[in-house]
C-alpha atoms as a PDB file:
ATOM      1  CA  UNK A   1     -12.864 -45.277  51.056  1.00  0.00           C
ATOM      2  CA  UNK A   2     -10.824 -43.661  48.281  1.00  0.00           C
ATOM      3  CA  UNK A   3     -11.790 -40.110  47.322  1.00  0.00           C
ATOM      4  CA  UNK A   4     -11.116 -38.562  43.951  1.00  0.00           C
ATOM      5  CA  UNK A   5      -8.924 -35.473  44.196  1.00  0.00           C
ATOM      6  CA  UNK A   6      -9.410 -34.367  40.606  1.00  0.00           C
ATOM      7  CA  UNK A   7      -6.893 -36.304  38.542  1.00  0.00           C
ATOM      8  CA  UNK A   8      -6.846 -39.684  36.906  1.00  0.00           C
ATOM      9  CA  UNK A   9      -4.162 -40.921  39.329  1.00  0.00           C
ATOM     10  CA  UNK A  10      -6.119 -40.025  42.470  1.00  0.00           C
ATOM     11  CA  UNK A  11      -6.205 -42.854  44.935  1.00  0.00           C
ATOM     12  CA  UNK A  12      -3.445 -44.801  43.217  1.00  0.00           C
ATOM     13  CA  UNK A  13      -0.602 -44.024  45.572  1.00  0.00           C
ATOM     14  CA  UNK A  14      -1.412 -40.589  46.987  1.00  0.00           C
ATOM     15  CA  UNK A  15       2.057 -39.228  46.319  1.00  0.00           C
ATOM     16  CA  UNK A  16       1.207 -37.546  43.040  1.00  0.00           C
ATOM     17  CA  UNK A  17      -1.291 -34.987  44.341  1.00  0.00           C
ATOM     18  CA  UNK A  18       0.994 -32.335  45.810  1.00  0.00           C
ATOM     19  CA  UNK A  19       0.298 -29.139  43.872  1.00  0.00           C
ATOM     20  CA  UNK A  20      -0.942 -30.840  40.747  1.00  0.00           C
ATOM     21  CA  UNK A  21      -3.140 -28.800  38.415  1.00  0.00           C
ATOM     22  CA  UNK A  22      -6.448 -30.506  37.726  1.00  0.00           C
ATOM     23  CA  UNK A  23      -6.145 -31.534  34.082  1.00  0.00           C
ATOM     24  CA  UNK A  24      -9.540 -33.195  33.844  1.00  0.00           C
ATOM     25  CA  UNK A  25     -10.886 -29.744  33.012  1.00  0.00           C
ATOM     26  CA  UNK A  26      -8.330 -28.896  30.347  1.00  0.00           C
ATOM     27  CA  UNK A  27      -9.863 -25.497  29.481  1.00  0.00           C
ATOM     28  CA  UNK A  28      -9.628 -24.557  33.157  1.00  0.00           C
ATOM     29  CA  UNK A  29      -5.963 -25.584  33.270  1.00  0.00           C
ATOM     30  CA  UNK A  30      -5.293 -23.615  30.072  1.00  0.00           C
ATOM     31  CA  UNK A  31      -6.629 -20.475  31.746  1.00  0.00           C
ATOM     32  CA  UNK A  32      -3.971 -20.897  34.437  1.00  0.00           C
ATOM     33  CA  UNK A  33      -1.275 -21.502  31.801  1.00  0.00           C
ATOM     34  CA  UNK A  34      -2.541 -18.458  29.889  1.00  0.00           C
ATOM     35  CA  UNK A  35      -2.097 -16.176  32.893  1.00  0.00           C
ATOM     36  CA  UNK A  36       1.483 -17.405  33.207  1.00  0.00           C
ATOM     37  CA  UNK A  37       2.048 -16.770  29.481  1.00  0.00           C
ATOM     38  CA  UNK A  38       0.804 -13.174  29.734  1.00  0.00           C
ATOM     39  CA  UNK A  39       3.014 -12.565  32.775  1.00  0.00           C
ATOM     40  CA  UNK A  40       5.999 -14.064  30.944  1.00  0.00           C
ATOM     41  CA  UNK A  41       5.472 -11.804  27.917  1.00  0.00           C
ATOM     42  CA  UNK A  42       5.021  -8.725  30.110  1.00  0.00           C
ATOM     43  CA  UNK A  43       8.273  -9.538  31.915  1.00  0.00           C
ATOM     44  CA  UNK A  44       9.958  -9.600  28.480  1.00  0.00           C
ATOM     45  CA  UNK A  45       8.766  -6.031  27.823  1.00  0.00           C
ATOM     46  CA  UNK A  46       5.601  -6.557  25.761  1.00  0.00           C
ATOM     47  CA  UNK A  47       3.479  -3.431  26.248  1.00  0.00           C
ATOM     48  CA  UNK A  48       0.421  -4.405  24.181  1.00  0.00           C
ATOM     49  CA  UNK A  49      -2.834  -5.211  25.937  1.00  0.00           C
ATOM     50  CA  UNK A  50      -3.035  -9.013  26.027  1.00  0.00           C
ATOM     51  CA  UNK A  51      -5.864 -11.410  26.711  1.00  0.00           C
ATOM     52  CA  UNK A  52      -5.728 -15.168  26.554  1.00  0.00           C
ATOM     53  CA  UNK A  53      -8.414 -17.834  26.347  1.00  0.00           C
ATOM     54  CA  UNK A  54      -8.618 -21.565  25.735  1.00  0.00           C
ATOM     55  CA  UNK A  55      -9.971 -22.410  22.276  1.00  0.00           C
ATOM     56  CA  UNK A  56     -10.636 -25.620  20.409  1.00  0.00           C
ATOM     57  CA  UNK A  57      -8.778 -25.564  17.078  1.00  0.00           C
ATOM     58  CA  UNK A  58      -8.946 -28.611  14.845  1.00  0.00           C
ATOM     59  CA  UNK A  59     -10.069 -30.799  17.735  1.00  0.00           C
ATOM     60  CA  UNK A  60      -7.169 -29.808  20.007  1.00  0.00           C
ATOM     61  CA  UNK A  61      -7.249 -27.359  22.912  1.00  0.00           C
ATOM     62  CA  UNK A  62      -4.961 -24.384  22.332  1.00  0.00           C
ATOM     63  CA  UNK A  63      -4.265 -20.996  23.894  1.00  0.00           C
ATOM     64  CA  UNK A  64      -5.487 -18.020  21.885  1.00  0.00           C
ATOM     65  CA  UNK A  65      -3.500 -14.872  22.663  1.00  0.00           C
ATOM     66  CA  UNK A  66      -5.291 -11.721  21.535  1.00  0.00           C
ATOM     67  CA  UNK A  67      -3.489  -8.388  21.488  1.00  0.00           C
ATOM     68  CA  UNK A  68      -4.434  -4.734  21.087  1.00  0.00           C
ATOM     69  CA  UNK A  69      -1.724  -2.461  19.778  1.00  0.00           C
ATOM     70  CA  UNK A  70       1.585  -3.704  18.422  1.00  0.00           C
ATOM     71  CA  UNK A  71       2.015  -7.405  17.754  1.00  0.00           C
ATOM     72  CA  UNK A  72       3.875  -8.961  20.686  1.00  0.00           C
ATOM     73  CA  UNK A  73       7.388 -10.198  19.958  1.00  0.00           C
ATOM     74  CA  UNK A  74       8.743 -13.411  21.395  1.00  0.00           C
ATOM     75  CA  UNK A  75       5.494 -15.355  21.695  1.00  0.00           C
ATOM     76  CA  UNK A  76       6.413 -19.043  21.947  1.00  0.00           C
ATOM     77  CA  UNK A  77       4.846 -21.414  19.421  1.00  0.00           C
ATOM     78  CA  UNK A  78       3.929 -23.769  22.269  1.00  0.00           C
ATOM     79  CA  UNK A  79       3.330 -23.090  25.964  1.00  0.00           C
ATOM     80  CA  UNK A  80       3.325 -26.024  28.398  1.00  0.00           C
ATOM     81  CA  UNK A  81       2.833 -28.343  25.434  1.00  0.00           C
ATOM     82  CA  UNK A  82      -0.126 -26.478  23.942  1.00  0.00           C
ATOM     83  CA  UNK A  83      -0.175 -24.497  20.706  1.00  0.00           C
ATOM     84  CA  UNK A  84      -0.378 -20.719  21.032  1.00  0.00           C
ATOM     85  CA  UNK A  85      -2.481 -18.964  18.380  1.00  0.00           C
ATOM     86  CA  UNK A  86      -1.902 -15.202  18.147  1.00  0.00           C
ATOM     87  CA  UNK A  87      -4.517 -12.835  16.732  1.00  0.00           C
ATOM     88  CA  UNK A  88      -5.141  -9.107  16.672  1.00  0.00           C
ATOM     89  CA  UNK A  89      -8.189  -7.834  18.521  1.00  0.00           C
ATOM     90  CA  UNK A  90     -10.891  -6.332  16.386  1.00  0.00           C
ATOM     91  CA  UNK A  91     -10.801  -2.541  16.569  1.00  0.00           C
ATOM     92  CA  UNK A  92     -13.495  -1.001  18.740  1.00  0.00           C
ATOM     93  CA  UNK A  93     -16.508   0.400  16.870  1.00  0.00           C
ATOM     94  CA  UNK A  94     -16.434   4.120  16.151  1.00  0.00           C
ATOM     95  CA  UNK A  95     -18.283   6.314  18.628  1.00  0.00           C
ATOM     96  CA  UNK A  96     -21.861   7.126  17.678  1.00  0.00           C
ATOM     97  CA  UNK A  97     -22.456  10.369  15.828  1.00  0.00           C
ATOM     98  CA  UNK A  98     -23.767  13.178  18.041  1.00  0.00           C
ATOM     99  CA  UNK A  99     -27.505  13.664  17.865  1.00  0.00           C
ATOM    100  CA  UNK A 100     -28.677  16.853  16.167  1.00  0.00           C
ATOM    101  CA  UNK A 101     -31.542  18.717  17.759  1.00  0.00           C
END
């Protein structure tokens, strides 16, 4: 009996499964790639707060890098073959006015 290990080549020859990222769930794989992208940018000295998420843009899965603070320098246009879209985070809402008694 052949068992599926999570990729389209599972059960073909068995040699291709060592450490392979499951790409059937592309958004899930993009999350892993996104973590690596954030770590890469931080190692290059980016100090802004960064978050990354998979998004569907024009029918293609991309990485959306959102930053708070200064725009990060050195963001690659593509990361592991996927487009990287950079956007500024929306500013937090102002604190509520104190209640008057």
